[in-house]
Amino acid sequence: MSENNTYEVVNGEAVPVTEADPKRYEMNGKDNAFKIIIAVCSALLAVFGIFDGYRMGFTLTSITLFTALTVYLAGVKTKFCFFGVSCGLLNLIAAISFTITSNGGLRFLTVISMIILSAIWFVSLSTNINKKSDFALISYIFVPFAQSFTINLPKNIKAVFSGRPKKRWAFGKALLGVLLAIPVLMIVLPLLILSDEAFSGLVTNLLKSNVFTVFEVLVGLIIAFFIFGYCLTLKKKEVFEGKSIEMGAIDSTILVSFLSVISVCYFAYLFSQLAYFFDAFKGILPKDYSFTFAEYARRGFFEMCIIAIINFVIISLVILFARKKDGKLSAGLKTLCSFVGFFTLVIINTALSKMFLYIKSYGMTELRITTSAFMVFLEIVFLSLLLKLFFKRVRVLRAAIVTAACVLTVLGTVNMNFVIANYNYNAYKSGALKEMDVNTIYKMGDEGVPYLVKLTKDTDSEVSSAAESKLKKILDSDKYYKTKVKEKIDIEGFKTLKVYEIEDKKYDGIGKYSISRAKAYEALDKYIEENGDALVREEYF
């Protein structure tokens, strides 16, 4: 035996102990089993979730993948923390919203939210994030993703093809054979297709039914590769942790002077608002000023939103860059920052009150609801920022992440589009809204369809005809039904009438199911049954 080798006794025999290869992950049975499970779950996510329209399929497959990754990363020694568990639960609730809402913009934001929430949950399974600073938390969220695509990429490739040496070599040889066959098939297949009609028909049918599914599976496997690499980075404890940075560099006198000027301007604004409420201050307003709800509700809303964001940045930078004594801000800075914060909360609430007044007068729209939700989010985060002035342990980033996730989840689960369509319809019927904006209902997609059907029976001919026109547009677009021409009828001029009949529904799979889509179909089926000419289209030659 060489003196340079280290040995251990296994089954009564001395076996040399090999050092870990720094260029390769040490893979065990659980790692090798879960890379297959993750690949299958990711392929299902791509086929039934991503490419099936982000509906029930996405809900089911994303929860399945989330569960598999949780089982893989969690261990006996895992310590669960409140923040991590909250993010995990919010991620699951957010996934359910895809079965409820059809709002594309909201679903896009929810997907981004789910990625961040699940990343925090998975990080919490591999390390204790309770005592991590906000800066360290950001690094733990994003660094594993970056490492998976960069420095850990060679390790990830080796890990995917790892296993027992004989099996790995056999798999490698089989993969090489498949790759070598592809260029040959690219030459042979076209020749076989040209040589025989039967084979040509077989290949055509196979391509029509399966080629896109194969593409979807391949996309899923590519996603699985990076997800597995991300998990390995966490599980093997190879995350480069960001450290908290103390930046107390700017003298307090400079910041006090800066904030004083800003505060005087804000105080003048607050003083001017008295003109709306007290006769003694009416002289502030221009001569012959006429107060109307519409002008008051519209003016200055988005400007207030921008000011609130600017103030948030100002206070954040003061907390970060101000020179501190014993880790605390000076009394002057705290006072001025508190005033700026108080002013911001006032204008946020003023903006919200204006928006509620505007909605009461003109109805709901997607922009009005999402903007109001953003202001609620900003107000909660601002409160946490003000608490940070006095309590160093307050985590503003965590409050922002949880608040944003809660707002998006609420908008998705209560189905914002349904709320808008339902409110506008009922407010119009009750007389609270003088006019009905049919186009707003139409823009609500699936959720708006049942209300369009109801509006076709409205006593106002303009409203009913507008609703019929929108339904005609929906049916002519073949968005919901697969149709075929039943008969053609020539009419005078250069026009013809085409009578269509329904072959099938376009969204009939479990992956494409959603509650709002099911209700839309129910309303459309009833409308078509009651209106025989609903599928008749007038077309020009």
Protein backbone atom coordinates (compact mmCIF):
# COMPACT_ATOMS: atom_id res chain seq x y z
CA MET A 1 0.00 0.00 0.00
CA SER A 2 1.22 3.46 -0.86
CA GLU A 3 1.76 5.78 2.07
CA ASN A 4 0.14 8.64 0.13
CA ASN A 5 -3.26 6.90 -0.04
CA THR A 6 -5.91 6.91 2.68
CA TYR A 7 -7.92 3.73 3.24
CA GLU A 8 -11.11 2.74 5.02
CA VAL A 9 -12.36 -0.73 5.94
CA VAL A 10 -15.41 -1.91 3.97
CA ASN A 11 -16.66 -5.49 4.51
CA GLY A 12 -13.33 -6.45 6.04
CA GLU A 13 -11.30 -5.08 3.12
CA ALA A 14 -9.15 -1.96 2.86
CA VAL A 15 -10.61 0.34 0.19
CA PRO A 16 -8.84 3.55 -0.90
CA VAL A 17 -10.75 6.76 -0.12
CA THR A 18 -10.89 9.04 -3.14
CA GLU A 19 -11.10 12.79 -2.78
CA ALA A 20 -14.18 14.55 -4.11
CA ASP A 21 -13.82 15.84 -7.63
CA PRO A 22 -14.22 19.65 -7.44
CA LYS A 23 -15.41 19.63 -11.07
CA ARG A 24 -18.25 17.17 -10.41
CA TYR A 25 -21.15 16.97 -7.95
CA GLU A 26 -21.21 13.95 -5.66
CA MET A 27 -24.45 12.32 -6.83
CA ASN A 28 -26.38 9.78 -4.75
CA GLY A 29 -29.42 7.62 -5.42
CA LYS A 30 -31.88 10.37 -4.46
CA ASP A 31 -30.20 12.83 -6.83
CA ASN A 32 -30.33 10.38 -9.73
CA ALA A 33 -33.97 9.44 -9.05
CA PHE A 34 -35.17 13.03 -8.77
CA LYS A 35 -33.48 14.22 -11.94
CA ILE A 36 -35.84 11.84 -13.79
CA ILE A 37 -38.84 12.95 -11.71
CA ILE A 38 -38.02 16.62 -12.32
CA ALA A 39 -37.63 15.96 -16.06
CA VAL A 40 -41.07 14.30 -16.21
CA CYS A 41 -42.72 17.09 -14.16
CA SER A 42 -41.10 19.80 -16.30
CA ALA A 43 -42.22 18.10 -19.52
CA LEU A 44 -45.79 17.94 -18.17
CA LEU A 45 -45.56 21.61 -17.17
CA ALA A 46 -44.53 22.55 -20.70
CA VAL A 47 -47.16 20.42 -22.49
CA PHE A 48 -50.19 20.95 -20.24
CA GLY A 49 -49.26 24.26 -18.61
CA ILE A 50 -47.13 26.62 -20.69
CA PHE A 51 -48.32 25.55 -24.16
CA ASP A 52 -51.90 24.88 -23.05
CA GLY A 53 -52.63 28.50 -22.21
CA TYR A 54 -51.79 28.84 -18.50
CA ARG A 55 -55.08 27.48 -17.20
CA MET A 56 -55.95 24.43 -15.10
CA GLY A 57 -53.08 22.49 -16.68
CA PHE A 58 -50.62 25.07 -15.39
CA THR A 59 -52.20 24.94 -11.93
CA LEU A 60 -51.89 21.16 -11.65
CA THR A 61 -48.46 20.75 -13.23
CA SER A 62 -46.84 23.69 -11.42
CA ILE A 63 -48.08 22.36 -8.05
CA THR A 64 -46.77 18.89 -8.99
CA LEU A 65 -43.32 20.26 -9.87
CA PHE A 66 -43.29 22.44 -6.75
CA THR A 67 -44.09 19.39 -4.58
CA ALA A 68 -41.38 17.27 -6.23
CA LEU A 69 -38.72 19.95 -5.74
CA THR A 70 -39.81 20.43 -2.12
CA VAL A 71 -39.44 16.71 -1.39
CA TYR A 72 -36.02 16.71 -3.08
CA LEU A 73 -34.60 19.75 -1.27
CA ALA A 74 -36.14 19.17 2.17
CA GLY A 75 -34.18 17.05 4.60
CA VAL A 76 -34.40 15.75 8.15
CA LYS A 77 -32.44 18.74 9.45
CA THR A 78 -34.46 21.34 7.51
CA LYS A 79 -35.63 24.17 9.75
CA PHE A 80 -38.74 25.90 8.47
CA CYS A 81 -39.03 29.66 8.95
CA PHE A 82 -42.19 31.77 8.87
CA PHE A 83 -41.14 33.88 5.89
CA GLY A 84 -40.16 30.87 3.81
CA VAL A 85 -43.35 28.96 4.63
CA SER A 86 -45.45 32.07 3.85
CA CYS A 87 -43.82 32.33 0.41
CA GLY A 88 -44.39 28.62 -0.25
CA LEU A 89 -48.09 28.82 0.65
CA LEU A 90 -48.58 32.00 -1.38
CA ASN A 91 -46.99 30.25 -4.36
CA LEU A 92 -49.52 27.40 -4.13
CA ILE A 93 -52.47 29.80 -3.80
CA ALA A 94 -51.18 31.85 -6.74
CA ALA A 95 -51.07 28.67 -8.85
CA ILE A 96 -54.79 28.11 -8.20
CA SER A 97 -55.63 31.53 -9.68
CA PHE A 98 -54.78 30.26 -13.19
CA THR A 99 -57.86 28.02 -13.04
CA ILE A 100 -60.00 31.05 -12.18
CA THR A 101 -58.93 34.12 -14.16
CA SER A 102 -58.34 34.65 -17.88
CA ASN A 103 -56.58 38.02 -17.47
CA GLY A 104 -53.34 37.69 -19.47
CA GLY A 105 -51.45 40.58 -17.87
CA LEU A 106 -52.32 39.39 -14.37
CA ARG A 107 -51.26 35.83 -15.16
CA PHE A 108 -47.93 37.07 -16.53
CA LEU A 109 -47.20 39.01 -13.33
CA THR A 110 -48.33 36.02 -11.26
CA VAL A 111 -45.86 33.73 -13.04
CA ILE A 112 -43.02 36.13 -12.18
CA SER A 113 -44.31 36.29 -8.61
CA MET A 114 -44.41 32.48 -8.40
CA ILE A 115 -40.80 32.18 -9.59
CA ILE A 116 -39.60 34.56 -6.86
CA LEU A 117 -41.81 33.00 -4.15
CA SER A 118 -40.77 29.44 -4.99
CA ALA A 119 -37.09 30.49 -5.14
CA ILE A 120 -37.36 31.91 -1.59
CA TRP A 121 -39.13 28.75 -0.41
CA PHE A 122 -36.46 26.45 -1.90
CA VAL A 123 -33.67 28.61 -0.48
CA SER A 124 -35.30 28.40 2.97
CA LEU A 125 -35.17 24.59 2.71
CA SER A 126 -31.41 24.58 2.15
CA THR A 127 -30.31 27.39 4.47
CA ASN A 128 -31.63 29.46 7.37
CA ILE A 129 -32.75 32.78 5.87
CA ASN A 130 -34.34 34.08 9.06
CA LYS A 131 -31.30 36.12 10.05
CA LYS A 132 -30.18 37.02 6.54
CA SER A 133 -30.15 40.69 5.56
CA ASP A 134 -32.23 41.90 2.60
CA PHE A 135 -29.06 42.14 0.51
CA ALA A 136 -28.11 38.55 1.36
CA LEU A 137 -31.66 37.42 0.58
CA ILE A 138 -31.48 39.00 -2.89
CA SER A 139 -28.23 37.16 -3.56
CA TYR A 140 -29.76 33.88 -2.41
CA ILE A 141 -32.72 34.39 -4.76
CA PHE A 142 -30.79 35.31 -7.90
CA VAL A 143 -27.23 33.95 -7.50
CA PRO A 144 -28.21 30.24 -7.80
CA PHE A 145 -29.95 31.01 -11.11
CA ALA A 146 -26.89 32.87 -12.37
CA GLN A 147 -24.52 30.12 -11.22
CA SER A 148 -26.63 27.43 -12.91
CA PHE A 149 -26.17 29.19 -16.25
CA THR A 150 -22.49 30.08 -15.78
CA ILE A 151 -19.83 28.60 -13.49
CA ASN A 152 -21.86 25.52 -12.48
CA LEU A 153 -22.93 24.65 -16.03
CA PRO A 154 -20.20 22.01 -16.59
CA LYS A 155 -21.10 20.38 -13.26
CA ASN A 156 -24.78 20.38 -14.19
CA ILE A 157 -24.06 18.67 -17.51
CA LYS A 158 -22.01 15.97 -15.78
CA ALA A 159 -24.68 15.56 -13.09
CA VAL A 160 -27.43 14.96 -15.67
CA PHE A 161 -25.44 12.12 -17.25
CA SER A 162 -24.04 10.81 -13.98
CA GLY A 163 -24.65 7.36 -12.55
CA ARG A 164 -22.65 4.18 -12.30
CA PRO A 165 -19.69 4.27 -14.73
CA LYS A 166 -20.97 1.35 -16.84
CA LYS A 167 -24.48 2.77 -17.10
CA ARG A 168 -23.17 6.24 -17.83
CA TRP A 169 -20.95 4.90 -20.60
CA ALA A 170 -23.81 2.85 -22.06
CA PHE A 171 -26.14 5.84 -21.99
CA GLY A 172 -23.47 7.99 -23.63
CA LYS A 173 -22.99 5.45 -26.43
CA ALA A 174 -26.76 5.17 -27.00
CA LEU A 175 -27.10 8.96 -27.13
CA LEU A 176 -24.21 9.17 -29.59
CA GLY A 177 -25.92 6.59 -31.83
CA VAL A 178 -29.16 8.61 -31.82
CA LEU A 179 -27.32 11.82 -32.69
CA LEU A 180 -25.48 10.09 -35.57
CA ALA A 181 -28.78 8.75 -36.94
CA ILE A 182 -30.39 12.20 -37.19
CA PRO A 183 -28.45 13.49 -40.26
CA VAL A 184 -29.00 10.16 -42.04
CA LEU A 185 -32.75 10.33 -41.36
CA MET A 186 -32.83 13.90 -42.71
CA ILE A 187 -31.71 12.48 -46.08
CA VAL A 188 -33.56 9.14 -46.05
CA LEU A 189 -37.00 10.31 -44.81
CA PRO A 190 -37.67 12.81 -47.67
CA LEU A 191 -36.70 10.12 -50.21
CA LEU A 192 -39.08 7.58 -48.63
CA ILE A 193 -41.89 10.17 -48.53
CA LEU A 194 -41.42 10.93 -52.24
CA SER A 195 -41.28 7.24 -53.15
CA ASP A 196 -44.62 6.10 -51.67
CA GLU A 197 -48.02 7.76 -51.08
CA ALA A 198 -48.98 5.50 -48.16
CA PHE A 199 -45.78 6.27 -46.24
CA SER A 200 -46.15 9.95 -47.14
CA GLY A 201 -49.66 9.98 -45.65
CA LEU A 202 -48.48 8.18 -42.52
CA VAL A 203 -45.64 10.64 -41.91
CA THR A 204 -47.91 13.63 -42.61
CA ASN A 205 -50.48 12.44 -40.07
CA LEU A 206 -47.78 11.72 -37.48
CA LEU A 207 -46.25 15.17 -37.97
CA LYS A 208 -49.64 16.88 -37.68
CA SER A 209 -50.51 15.15 -34.44
CA ASN A 210 -47.17 14.70 -32.70
CA VAL A 211 -44.48 17.05 -33.92
CA PHE A 212 -45.60 20.00 -31.82
CA THR A 213 -46.00 17.80 -28.73
CA VAL A 214 -42.44 16.57 -29.22
CA PHE A 215 -41.29 20.19 -29.40
CA GLU A 216 -43.19 20.98 -26.18
CA VAL A 217 -41.56 18.02 -24.40
CA LEU A 218 -38.11 19.15 -25.57
CA VAL A 219 -38.78 22.64 -24.17
CA GLY A 220 -39.82 21.01 -20.90
CA LEU A 221 -36.60 18.97 -20.76
CA ILE A 222 -34.52 22.10 -21.36
CA ILE A 223 -36.36 23.79 -18.47
CA ALA A 224 -35.79 20.67 -16.35
CA PHE A 225 -32.04 20.84 -16.98
CA PHE A 226 -31.76 24.32 -15.50
CA ILE A 227 -34.20 23.60 -12.66
CA PHE A 228 -32.17 20.55 -11.67
CA GLY A 229 -28.96 22.56 -11.87
CA TYR A 230 -30.52 25.23 -9.67
CA CYS A 231 -31.55 22.59 -7.13
CA LEU A 232 -28.07 21.07 -7.09
CA THR A 233 -26.55 24.50 -6.44
CA LEU A 234 -28.78 24.83 -3.37
CA LYS A 235 -28.54 21.23 -2.17
CA LYS A 236 -24.76 21.01 -2.47
CA LYS A 237 -24.39 24.34 -0.60
CA GLU A 238 -22.55 26.15 -3.39
CA VAL A 239 -24.35 29.49 -3.23
CA PHE A 240 -22.08 32.51 -3.06
CA GLU A 241 -23.69 34.53 -0.30
CA GLY A 242 -23.95 38.28 -0.60
CA LYS A 243 -22.94 40.12 2.55
CA SER A 244 -24.72 43.01 4.16
CA ILE A 245 -23.18 46.35 3.22
CA GLU A 246 -23.09 49.35 5.51
CA MET A 247 -22.85 52.52 3.43
CA GLY A 248 -22.96 55.37 5.95
CA ALA A 249 -21.05 57.82 3.79
CA ILE A 250 -23.08 61.06 3.50
CA ASP A 251 -23.02 63.61 6.30
CA SER A 252 -26.39 64.15 8.02
CA THR A 253 -26.22 67.95 7.54
CA ILE A 254 -26.36 67.56 3.75
CA LEU A 255 -29.33 65.21 3.93
CA VAL A 256 -31.17 67.36 6.50
CA SER A 257 -30.83 70.40 4.21
CA PHE A 258 -32.01 68.39 1.20
CA LEU A 259 -35.03 66.96 3.02
CA SER A 260 -35.92 70.36 4.52
CA VAL A 261 -36.32 71.91 1.06
CA ILE A 262 -38.44 68.96 -0.10
CA SER A 263 -40.54 69.14 3.09
CA VAL A 264 -41.30 72.87 2.66
CA CYS A 265 -42.62 72.13 -0.84
CA TYR A 266 -44.77 69.28 0.46
CA PHE A 267 -46.09 71.42 3.32
CA ALA A 268 -47.17 74.10 0.84
CA TYR A 269 -49.05 71.45 -1.13
CA LEU A 270 -50.89 70.24 1.98
CA PHE A 271 -51.75 73.85 2.84
CA SER A 272 -53.24 74.38 -0.63
CA GLN A 273 -55.61 71.43 -0.16
CA LEU A 274 -57.50 73.38 2.50
CA ALA A 275 -59.11 75.36 -0.34
CA TYR A 276 -61.30 72.34 -1.17
CA PHE A 277 -62.69 72.06 2.36
CA PHE A 278 -62.79 75.53 3.97
CA ASP A 279 -64.29 78.76 2.59
CA ALA A 280 -61.52 80.84 4.22
CA PHE A 281 -59.00 79.30 1.77
CA LYS A 282 -61.10 79.49 -1.43
CA GLY A 283 -58.91 82.36 -2.68
CA ILE A 284 -56.15 79.85 -3.43
CA LEU A 285 -58.20 78.42 -6.30
CA PRO A 286 -58.35 80.23 -9.67
CA LYS A 287 -61.21 82.67 -10.35
CA ASP A 288 -64.44 81.08 -11.55
CA TYR A 289 -63.15 77.62 -10.58
CA SER A 290 -65.95 75.08 -10.96
CA PHE A 291 -65.69 71.95 -8.84
CA THR A 292 -66.78 68.78 -10.68
CA PHE A 293 -66.34 65.17 -9.60
CA ALA A 294 -64.90 64.19 -12.99
CA GLU A 295 -62.15 66.82 -12.97
CA TYR A 296 -61.35 66.26 -9.31
CA ALA A 297 -61.16 62.47 -9.74
CA ARG A 298 -59.06 62.54 -12.91
CA ARG A 299 -56.56 65.28 -12.24
CA GLY A 300 -53.26 64.49 -10.62
CA PHE A 301 -53.78 60.79 -9.92
CA PHE A 302 -50.83 59.41 -11.85
CA GLU A 303 -48.66 62.36 -10.80
CA MET A 304 -49.33 61.40 -7.19
CA CYS A 305 -48.29 57.80 -7.93
CA ILE A 306 -44.96 59.00 -9.33
CA ILE A 307 -44.34 61.32 -6.34
CA ALA A 308 -45.01 58.41 -3.97
CA ILE A 309 -42.40 56.27 -5.76
CA ILE A 310 -39.86 59.14 -5.72
CA ASN A 311 -40.37 59.63 -1.97
CA PHE A 312 -39.93 55.91 -1.38
CA VAL A 313 -36.59 56.03 -3.20
CA ILE A 314 -35.51 59.16 -1.25
CA ILE A 315 -36.19 57.63 2.18
CA SER A 316 -34.60 54.31 1.16
CA LEU A 317 -31.42 56.08 0.03
CA VAL A 318 -31.32 58.13 3.27
CA ILE A 319 -31.55 54.94 5.34
CA LEU A 320 -28.85 53.32 3.22
CA PHE A 321 -26.35 56.16 2.77
CA ALA A 322 -26.77 58.46 5.81
CA ARG A 323 -23.94 58.49 8.31
CA LYS A 324 -25.17 56.77 11.48
CA LYS A 325 -24.21 56.86 15.13
CA ASP A 326 -24.36 53.46 16.83
CA GLY A 327 -26.23 52.23 13.78
CA LYS A 328 -29.03 54.80 14.19
CA LEU A 329 -30.10 57.82 12.15
CA SER A 330 -30.00 61.28 13.72
CA ALA A 331 -33.21 62.69 15.25
CA GLY A 332 -33.40 65.39 12.55
CA LEU A 333 -33.28 62.84 9.72
CA LYS A 334 -35.89 60.66 11.39
CA THR A 335 -38.23 63.64 11.81
CA LEU A 336 -37.88 64.85 8.24
CA CYS A 337 -38.17 61.36 6.77
CA SER A 338 -41.26 60.79 8.90
CA PHE A 339 -42.84 63.98 7.53
CA VAL A 340 -42.05 62.97 3.93
CA GLY A 341 -43.52 59.55 4.72
CA PHE A 342 -46.64 61.09 6.28
CA PHE A 343 -47.08 63.32 3.24
CA THR A 344 -46.71 60.30 0.96
CA LEU A 345 -49.35 58.33 2.85
CA VAL A 346 -51.67 61.34 2.58
CA ILE A 347 -51.29 61.61 -1.21
CA ILE A 348 -51.62 57.82 -1.61
CA ASN A 349 -54.91 57.86 0.28
CA THR A 350 -55.99 60.97 -1.66
CA ALA A 351 -55.20 59.17 -4.92
CA LEU A 352 -57.16 56.11 -3.79
CA SER A 353 -60.15 58.22 -2.77
CA LYS A 354 -60.06 59.93 -6.19
CA MET A 355 -59.96 56.57 -7.91
CA PHE A 356 -62.90 55.23 -5.89
CA LEU A 357 -64.83 58.38 -6.77
CA TYR A 358 -63.94 57.92 -10.44
CA ILE A 359 -65.03 54.26 -10.39
CA LYS A 360 -68.32 55.23 -8.73
CA SER A 361 -68.97 57.79 -11.46
CA TYR A 362 -67.69 55.93 -14.55
CA GLY A 363 -67.36 52.27 -13.62
CA MET A 364 -64.47 49.86 -13.28
CA THR A 365 -61.74 49.16 -15.82
CA GLU A 366 -58.68 46.94 -15.62
CA LEU A 367 -56.35 49.96 -15.41
CA ARG A 368 -58.34 51.54 -12.57
CA ILE A 369 -58.33 48.34 -10.52
CA THR A 370 -54.66 47.46 -11.06
CA THR A 371 -53.60 51.04 -10.32
CA SER A 372 -55.62 51.03 -7.09
CA ALA A 373 -54.08 47.68 -6.13
CA PHE A 374 -50.61 49.10 -6.80
CA MET A 375 -51.36 52.06 -4.51
CA VAL A 376 -52.46 49.69 -1.72
CA PHE A 377 -49.20 47.77 -2.21
CA LEU A 378 -47.19 51.00 -2.13
CA GLU A 379 -48.94 52.18 1.04
CA ILE A 380 -48.18 48.95 2.94
CA VAL A 381 -44.56 48.94 1.81
CA PHE A 382 -44.25 52.63 2.75
CA LEU A 383 -45.49 51.87 6.25
CA SER A 384 -42.81 49.19 6.62
CA LEU A 385 -40.20 51.68 5.35
CA LEU A 386 -41.26 54.23 7.99
CA LEU A 387 -41.02 51.54 10.68
CA LYS A 388 -37.50 50.84 9.40
CA LEU A 389 -36.54 54.38 10.48
CA PHE A 390 -37.14 53.44 14.11
CA PHE A 391 -36.71 49.66 14.16
CA LYS A 392 -33.63 48.34 12.37
CA ARG A 393 -34.89 44.74 12.29
CA VAL A 394 -37.82 45.56 9.99
CA ARG A 395 -37.26 43.86 6.61
CA VAL A 396 -38.70 46.10 3.90
CA LEU A 397 -37.85 43.75 1.01
CA ARG A 398 -39.66 40.84 2.65
CA ALA A 399 -42.69 43.01 3.31
CA ALA A 400 -42.66 44.12 -0.34
CA ILE A 401 -42.40 40.54 -1.66
CA VAL A 402 -45.20 39.19 0.54
CA THR A 403 -47.45 42.22 -0.09
CA ALA A 404 -46.97 42.04 -3.88
CA ALA A 405 -47.69 38.29 -3.84
CA CYS A 406 -50.82 38.81 -1.71
CA VAL A 407 -52.13 41.59 -3.99
CA LEU A 408 -51.59 39.53 -7.16
CA THR A 409 -53.08 36.41 -5.55
CA VAL A 410 -56.17 38.30 -4.41
CA LEU A 411 -56.66 39.85 -7.87
CA GLY A 412 -56.33 36.39 -9.43
CA THR A 413 -58.45 34.36 -7.01
CA VAL A 414 -61.33 36.86 -6.79
CA ASN A 415 -61.05 37.09 -10.60
CA MET A 416 -60.52 40.76 -11.35
CA ASN A 417 -62.14 40.53 -14.81
CA PHE A 418 -65.29 39.02 -13.32
CA VAL A 419 -65.45 41.70 -10.61
CA ILE A 420 -65.15 44.45 -13.25
CA ALA A 421 -67.80 42.98 -15.57
CA ASN A 422 -70.18 42.15 -12.70
CA TYR A 423 -69.82 45.58 -11.04
CA ASN A 424 -70.33 47.56 -14.25
CA TYR A 425 -73.35 45.48 -15.30
CA ASN A 426 -75.10 45.67 -11.92
CA ALA A 427 -74.24 49.37 -11.45
CA TYR A 428 -75.74 50.09 -14.88
CA LYS A 429 -78.88 48.08 -14.14
CA SER A 430 -79.32 49.79 -10.77
CA GLY A 431 -78.90 53.25 -12.32
CA ALA A 432 -75.65 54.06 -10.49
CA LEU A 433 -73.96 54.20 -13.92
CA LYS A 434 -75.78 56.33 -16.46
CA GLU A 435 -74.11 54.72 -19.49
CA MET A 436 -72.95 51.21 -20.25
CA ASP A 437 -69.47 50.84 -21.78
CA VAL A 438 -69.97 47.60 -23.75
CA ASN A 439 -66.37 47.70 -25.00
CA THR A 440 -65.06 47.43 -21.42
CA ILE A 441 -67.18 44.30 -20.89
CA TYR A 442 -65.87 42.87 -24.18
CA LYS A 443 -62.26 43.44 -23.11
CA MET A 444 -62.82 41.25 -20.03
CA GLY A 445 -62.58 38.17 -22.27
CA ASP A 446 -64.16 34.98 -20.91
CA GLU A 447 -65.56 36.77 -17.86
CA GLY A 448 -67.28 39.40 -20.02
CA VAL A 449 -69.06 36.97 -22.36
CA PRO A 450 -72.00 36.10 -20.01
CA TYR A 451 -72.65 39.81 -19.47
CA LEU A 452 -72.53 40.54 -23.21
CA VAL A 453 -75.20 37.89 -23.66
CA LYS A 454 -77.33 39.56 -20.96
CA LEU A 455 -76.86 43.00 -22.55
CA THR A 456 -78.26 41.76 -25.87
CA LYS A 457 -81.66 41.88 -24.14
CA ASP A 458 -81.20 45.41 -22.78
CA THR A 459 -84.04 47.88 -23.34
CA ASP A 460 -81.61 50.45 -24.75
CA SER A 461 -81.28 49.57 -28.44
CA GLU A 462 -77.78 51.08 -28.69
CA VAL A 463 -76.52 48.91 -25.83
CA SER A 464 -78.17 45.73 -27.10
CA SER A 465 -76.93 46.22 -30.67
CA ALA A 466 -73.40 46.97 -29.43
CA ALA A 467 -73.46 43.76 -27.34
CA GLU A 468 -74.71 41.74 -30.34
CA SER A 469 -71.94 43.23 -32.48
CA LYS A 470 -69.27 42.20 -29.95
CA LEU A 471 -70.70 38.67 -29.70
CA LYS A 472 -70.74 38.46 -33.50
CA LYS A 473 -67.08 39.47 -33.50
CA ILE A 474 -66.28 36.75 -30.93
CA LEU A 475 -68.07 34.05 -32.92
CA ASP A 476 -66.59 35.18 -36.25
CA SER A 477 -63.08 34.96 -34.81
CA ASP A 478 -63.41 31.19 -34.17
CA LYS A 479 -61.93 31.83 -30.73
CA TYR A 480 -64.25 29.41 -28.94
CA TYR A 481 -65.54 27.00 -31.58
CA LYS A 482 -64.19 25.00 -34.50
CA THR A 483 -66.71 25.55 -37.29
CA LYS A 484 -67.26 24.49 -40.87
CA VAL A 485 -69.39 25.93 -43.68
CA LYS A 486 -72.75 24.20 -43.81
CA GLU A 487 -74.13 26.05 -46.84
CA LYS A 488 -73.60 29.16 -48.96
CA ILE A 489 -76.40 31.48 -50.05
CA ASP A 490 -75.75 34.03 -52.79
CA ILE A 491 -77.31 37.43 -52.31
CA GLU A 492 -77.37 40.49 -54.55
CA GLY A 493 -74.19 42.44 -55.22
CA PHE A 494 -70.84 40.91 -54.51
CA LYS A 495 -71.86 39.33 -51.20
CA THR A 496 -72.71 35.85 -50.01
CA LEU A 497 -74.08 34.42 -46.77
CA LYS A 498 -72.18 31.53 -45.23
CA VAL A 499 -74.02 29.41 -42.67
CA TYR A 500 -71.66 27.68 -40.26
CA GLU A 501 -72.16 24.78 -37.90
CA ILE A 502 -70.12 23.93 -34.80
CA GLU A 503 -67.82 20.93 -35.05
CA ASP A 504 -66.19 21.15 -31.63
CA LYS A 505 -65.09 23.46 -28.85
CA LYS A 506 -61.54 24.76 -29.17
CA TYR A 507 -60.77 24.55 -25.44
CA ASP A 508 -62.10 21.21 -24.30
CA GLY A 509 -59.02 19.62 -22.67
CA ILE A 510 -58.46 19.42 -18.91
CA GLY A 511 -55.29 21.45 -19.28
CA LYS A 512 -57.17 24.29 -20.99
CA TYR A 513 -60.08 24.31 -18.54
CA SER A 514 -60.86 27.33 -16.39
CA ILE A 515 -63.95 28.37 -14.45
CA SER A 516 -64.35 31.56 -16.47
CA ARG A 517 -63.98 29.69 -19.79
CA ALA A 518 -66.64 27.16 -18.73
CA LYS A 519 -69.10 29.96 -17.86
CA ALA A 520 -68.36 31.68 -21.18
CA TYR A 521 -69.19 28.48 -23.07
CA GLU A 522 -72.40 28.05 -21.07
CA ALA A 523 -73.53 31.57 -22.01
CA LEU A 524 -72.47 31.24 -25.68
CA ASP A 525 -74.20 27.87 -26.09
CA LYS A 526 -77.43 29.38 -24.79
CA TYR A 527 -77.06 32.46 -27.01
CA ILE A 528 -76.47 30.38 -30.17
CA GLU A 529 -79.44 28.15 -29.31
CA GLU A 530 -81.74 31.17 -28.92
CA ASN A 531 -80.37 33.04 -31.96
CA GLY A 532 -80.39 30.88 -35.05
CA ASP A 533 -78.52 33.42 -37.18
CA ALA A 534 -75.61 33.76 -34.72
CA LEU A 535 -73.38 31.61 -36.94
CA VAL A 536 -74.39 33.26 -40.22
CA ARG A 537 -71.65 35.43 -41.73
CA GLU A 538 -71.98 37.92 -44.53
CA GLU A 539 -68.84 37.99 -46.67
CA TYR A 540 -67.75 39.92 -49.77
CA PHE A 541 -66.29 38.24 -52.84
